[in-house]
Protein backbone atom coordinates (compact mmCIF):
# COMPACT_ATOMS: atom_id res chain seq x y z
CA MET A 1 68.55 184.30 154.97
CA SER A 2 65.73 182.51 156.05
CA ALA A 3 63.64 179.61 155.22
CA VAL A 4 60.78 181.70 153.83
CA ASP A 5 63.54 183.54 151.27
CA LEU A 6 64.68 180.09 150.31
CA LEU A 7 61.39 178.70 149.57
CA ILE A 8 60.62 181.86 147.94
CA ALA A 9 64.02 182.04 145.66
CA ALA A 10 63.29 178.22 144.56
CA GLY A 11 59.40 178.83 143.73
CA VAL A 12 60.92 181.81 141.17
CA ALA A 13 63.81 179.62 139.72
CA LEU A 14 61.35 176.96 139.29
CA LEU A 15 59.16 179.60 137.33
CA ALA A 16 62.00 180.90 135.81
CA GLY A 17 63.20 177.26 134.32
CA GLY A 18 60.07 176.83 133.13
CA ILE A 19 59.54 180.06 131.45
CA ASN A 20 63.17 179.69 129.39
CA SER A 21 61.65 176.47 128.23
CA ILE A 22 58.30 178.08 126.83
CA ALA A 23 59.48 181.65 125.67
CA GLY A 24 63.02 182.68 127.39
CA GLY A 25 63.43 185.29 129.89
CA GLY A 26 63.54 183.38 133.04
CA SER A 27 67.10 185.50 134.04
CA LEU A 28 64.64 188.19 134.18
CA ILE A 29 61.88 186.65 136.89
CA LEU A 30 64.74 184.97 139.06
CA PHE A 31 67.64 188.36 139.32
CA PRO A 32 65.58 190.67 140.42
CA THR A 33 63.92 188.10 142.50
CA LEU A 34 67.21 187.75 144.35
CA ILE A 35 67.91 191.65 144.96
CA GLY A 36 64.79 191.72 146.47
CA LEU A 37 65.80 189.05 148.98
CA GLY A 38 68.83 191.64 149.75
CA LEU A 39 71.70 190.06 147.44
CA GLY A 40 73.49 192.86 146.15
CA THR A 41 73.61 193.16 142.25
CA VAL A 42 76.81 191.38 141.59
CA PRO A 43 75.95 188.52 144.09
CA ALA A 44 72.97 188.44 142.76
CA ASN A 45 74.07 187.94 138.72
CA VAL A 46 76.50 185.34 140.01
CA THR A 47 74.14 183.23 141.73
CA ASN A 48 71.66 183.61 138.89
CA SER A 49 74.20 182.31 136.48
CA ILE A 50 75.28 179.70 138.34
CA ALA A 51 71.50 178.65 139.83
CA GLN A 52 70.45 178.40 136.21
CA TRP A 53 73.19 176.49 134.34
CA PRO A 54 71.83 173.01 134.87
CA GLY A 55 68.99 174.41 132.45
CA TYR A 56 71.27 174.72 129.23
CA ILE A 57 72.32 171.26 129.35
CA GLY A 58 68.74 170.10 128.65
CA GLY A 59 68.65 172.50 125.40
CA VAL A 60 71.75 170.90 124.41
CA LEU A 61 70.34 167.62 124.47
CA GLY A 62 67.51 168.50 122.86
CA PHE A 63 69.70 169.70 119.84
CA ARG A 64 71.71 166.14 119.86
CA ARG A 65 70.42 165.50 116.24
CA GLU A 66 71.43 168.82 114.79
CA TYR A 67 75.05 168.40 115.80
CA ALA A 68 75.28 165.73 113.16
CA GLY A 69 78.62 166.30 111.19
CA GLN A 70 78.87 169.94 112.99
CA ARG A 71 81.68 168.57 115.15
CA SER A 72 84.40 171.21 113.68
CA ARG A 73 81.76 174.00 114.04
CA LEU A 74 81.24 173.46 117.33
CA ILE A 75 84.92 173.16 118.77
CA ARG A 76 85.45 176.48 116.58
CA PHE A 77 82.05 178.25 118.46
CA SER A 78 83.14 176.62 121.45
CA VAL A 79 86.70 178.44 121.76
CA VAL A 80 84.99 181.87 120.80
CA ALA A 81 82.62 181.40 123.68
CA VAL A 82 85.36 180.10 126.74
CA LEU A 83 87.28 183.38 125.32
CA GLY A 84 84.11 185.15 125.65
CA GLY A 85 82.63 183.65 128.65
CA THR A 86 85.93 184.09 130.47
CA THR A 87 86.45 188.01 129.25
CA GLY A 88 82.86 188.50 130.73
CA SER A 89 83.04 187.17 133.51
CA VAL A 90 86.57 188.70 134.66
CA LEU A 91 85.21 191.94 133.77
CA LEU A 92 82.66 191.90 136.24
CA LEU A 93 84.57 190.48 139.03
CA THR A 94 87.40 192.90 138.53
CA THR A 95 85.55 196.45 137.36
CA PRO A 96 83.95 198.08 140.66
CA SER A 97 80.33 197.11 141.72
CA ALA A 98 79.23 200.30 141.04
CA ALA A 99 80.10 200.54 137.37
CA PHE A 100 77.91 197.19 137.11
CA ASP A 101 74.85 198.96 139.31
CA THR A 102 75.21 201.81 136.27
CA VAL A 103 75.35 199.23 133.28
CA VAL A 104 72.84 196.44 134.48
CA PRO A 105 69.16 198.61 134.25
CA VAL A 106 70.61 199.58 130.43
CA LEU A 107 71.27 195.50 130.18
CA VAL A 108 68.07 194.81 131.95
CA PHE A 109 66.29 197.08 129.60
CA LEU A 110 67.81 196.11 126.34
CA ALA A 111 67.36 192.29 127.50
CA SER A 112 63.26 192.96 127.72
CA ILE A 113 63.35 194.32 124.29
CA LEU A 114 65.16 191.67 122.84
CA LEU A 115 62.82 189.13 123.92
CA ALA A 116 59.80 191.40 122.98
CA PHE A 117 60.79 191.24 119.25
CA GLN A 118 62.25 187.52 119.35
CA PRO A 119 59.51 186.46 117.39
CA MET A 120 60.02 188.95 114.78
CA ILE A 121 63.23 187.99 114.58
CA THR A 122 62.48 184.16 114.25
CA ARG A 123 60.31 185.36 111.52
CA ARG A 124 62.94 187.32 109.19
CA LEU A 125 65.65 184.57 109.97
CA LYS A 126 63.09 181.83 108.41
CA GLY A 127 62.55 184.15 105.56
CA HIS A 128 66.31 184.28 104.84
CA GLU A 129 67.24 180.69 104.89
CA ASP A 130 69.81 179.65 102.94
CA ASP A 131 71.14 176.21 102.73
CA ALA A 132 73.76 176.45 100.21
CA VAL A 133 75.67 178.74 102.04
CA ASP A 134 79.33 177.46 102.63
CA GLY A 135 81.53 178.12 105.37
CA ASP A 136 81.68 180.68 108.22
CA PRO A 137 82.04 184.43 107.81
CA VAL A 138 84.80 185.93 109.79
CA TRP A 139 82.45 188.49 110.97
CA LEU A 140 80.16 186.06 112.78
CA TYR A 141 83.23 184.53 115.12
CA ALA A 142 83.94 188.42 115.94
CA ALA A 143 80.53 188.95 116.84
CA LEU A 144 79.85 185.75 118.70
CA PHE A 145 82.64 186.85 120.84
CA LEU A 146 81.00 190.47 121.77
CA ALA A 147 77.72 187.82 122.41
CA THR A 148 79.50 185.90 124.64
CA VAL A 149 81.48 188.54 126.70
CA TYR A 150 78.12 189.76 126.81
CA GLY A 151 76.63 186.37 128.09
CA GLY A 152 79.68 186.05 130.77
CA TYR A 153 79.09 189.60 132.50
CA PHE A 154 75.81 189.88 132.82
CA GLY A 155 73.68 187.28 130.21
CA GLY A 156 70.13 188.07 129.98
CA ALA A 157 68.64 187.17 126.77
CA LEU A 158 71.49 185.33 125.56
CA GLY A 159 69.90 183.29 123.60
CA VAL A 160 68.03 185.90 121.82
CA ILE A 161 71.47 187.58 120.80
CA LEU A 162 72.44 184.42 119.62
CA VAL A 163 69.80 183.20 117.68
CA GLY A 164 69.85 186.42 115.58
CA VAL A 165 73.70 186.49 115.14
CA LEU A 166 73.46 182.39 114.31
CA GLY A 167 70.90 183.10 112.09
CA VAL A 168 72.35 185.90 109.77
CA GLY A 169 75.77 184.17 109.92
CA LEU A 170 74.34 180.16 109.06
CA HIS A 171 71.04 181.38 106.89
CA ARG A 172 69.88 178.13 108.54
CA LEU A 173 67.45 178.73 112.35
CA LYS A 174 67.20 175.09 113.03
CA LEU A 175 70.81 174.98 113.09
CA ALA A 176 71.54 178.31 115.10
CA ASN A 177 69.02 176.93 117.30
CA ALA A 178 71.38 174.40 118.31
CA MET A 179 74.38 175.99 117.76
CA LYS A 180 72.71 178.75 119.95
CA SER A 181 72.27 175.92 122.90
CA ALA A 182 76.07 174.54 122.66
CA VAL A 183 77.57 177.91 122.95
CA SER A 184 75.37 179.26 125.63
CA VAL A 185 76.07 176.03 127.82
CA THR A 186 80.09 176.64 126.70
CA THR A 187 79.80 180.21 127.88
CA ALA A 188 77.49 179.55 130.95
CA THR A 189 79.90 176.57 132.31
CA ILE A 190 82.97 179.24 131.89
CA SER A 191 80.89 181.37 134.02
CA VAL A 192 79.65 178.86 136.84
CA VAL A 193 83.62 177.75 136.95
CA ILE A 194 85.01 181.38 137.81
CA PHE A 195 82.33 182.74 139.88
CA SER A 196 82.41 179.58 141.77
CA ILE A 197 85.97 180.40 143.08
CA PHE A 198 86.18 183.97 142.55
CA GLY A 199 82.66 185.36 142.50
CA PRO A 200 80.65 186.34 145.66
CA VAL A 201 78.13 183.60 145.27
CA ALA A 202 75.18 182.83 147.65
CA TRP A 203 75.51 179.16 147.99
CA GLU A 204 72.25 178.54 149.91
CA TYR A 205 70.60 180.14 147.00
CA VAL A 206 72.07 178.03 144.27
CA ALA A 207 71.71 174.98 146.55
CA VAL A 208 67.50 175.38 145.94
CA CYS A 209 66.91 177.17 142.89
CA ALA A 210 69.71 174.69 140.60
CA PRO A 211 67.33 171.85 140.87
CA ALA A 212 64.13 173.72 140.95
CA SER A 213 65.38 175.22 137.54
CA LEU A 214 65.78 172.21 136.35
CA VAL A 215 62.87 170.74 137.14
CA GLY A 216 61.17 173.81 135.85
CA GLY A 217 62.59 173.63 132.57
CA PHE A 218 61.58 169.89 132.29
CA LEU A 219 58.01 170.70 132.99
CA GLY A 220 57.82 173.64 130.83
CA ALA A 221 59.01 171.59 127.94
CA LYS A 222 56.45 169.51 128.70
CA VAL A 223 53.15 172.46 128.38
CA ALA A 224 55.53 174.55 125.73
CA THR A 225 53.12 173.34 122.72
CA ARG A 226 50.00 173.59 124.95
CA ILE A 227 49.73 177.25 126.48
CA PRO A 228 49.92 180.42 124.58
CA THR A 229 53.82 182.26 124.20
CA THR A 230 52.37 185.47 123.48
CA PRO A 231 50.73 186.55 126.78
CA LEU A 232 53.71 185.30 129.06
CA ARG A 233 56.49 186.95 126.72
CA VAL A 234 54.59 190.22 127.28
CA LEU A 235 54.52 189.67 131.00
CA ILE A 236 58.07 189.04 131.27
CA VAL A 237 58.93 191.93 129.01
CA VAL A 238 56.70 194.38 131.04
CA PHE A 239 58.43 193.17 133.87
CA GLY A 240 61.38 193.24 132.92
CA ILE A 241 61.15 196.81 131.98
CA ALA A 242 59.57 197.98 135.44
CA VAL A 243 63.04 196.10 136.87
CA ALA A 244 65.06 198.15 134.90
CA VAL A 245 63.48 201.34 135.88
CA TYR A 246 63.01 200.22 139.54
CA LEU A 247 67.50 199.56 139.20
CA PHE A 248 67.64 202.75 137.70
CA LEU A 249 66.44 204.98 140.07
CA ARG A 250 67.74 202.91 143.33
CA ARG A 251 71.10 203.80 142.06
């Protein structure tokens, strides 16, 4: 890889970090960029996962107040995230890369569609909030496990999936958002550990993309309330669908 490749990757990672803060979907930008720079789909996926990990930390820090009194729930959800993230990461590394090449266009397409419908999902969840709900339904843990398996395997639009699942299970959107960040960072941390030890990581890209993603996330949070998210969301969704079609045709 050349210095130009590294510069392009860093610039896109900076943009992806900002997009994650503003509208979500940064993975749908950085992942295909890494493929375009010459990485295979699996190396691009694991490199993308590690490079964007620092951004999840900021999300957790931003919800510090929401975690008050939620220690036991955080522990339970984190255990599920560890199990699910481990399962998904191991599946990615132990199944043939051809299998990932086959399924990744579908995953990118579904992630793009989920991102498109995120505002509608959020509005519906707000309309069904009920602070009187006590305890967590059993199905919520099964759904979280499946979601974090997906997160460990691919991860695009994982936050959208988690907000939907947790919003329905907890009936409190603000708490669901906070728990989403905690579950995401746990899943991502497990993936980072496994991919760092066993995965085909392009560390040169990680070295430039990780700090760029962190800076982008910080800057994105600063401007998130000043720019319209709808046009950006539409652009990301259209780009994601185009990437899905491209990945399908190149198999």
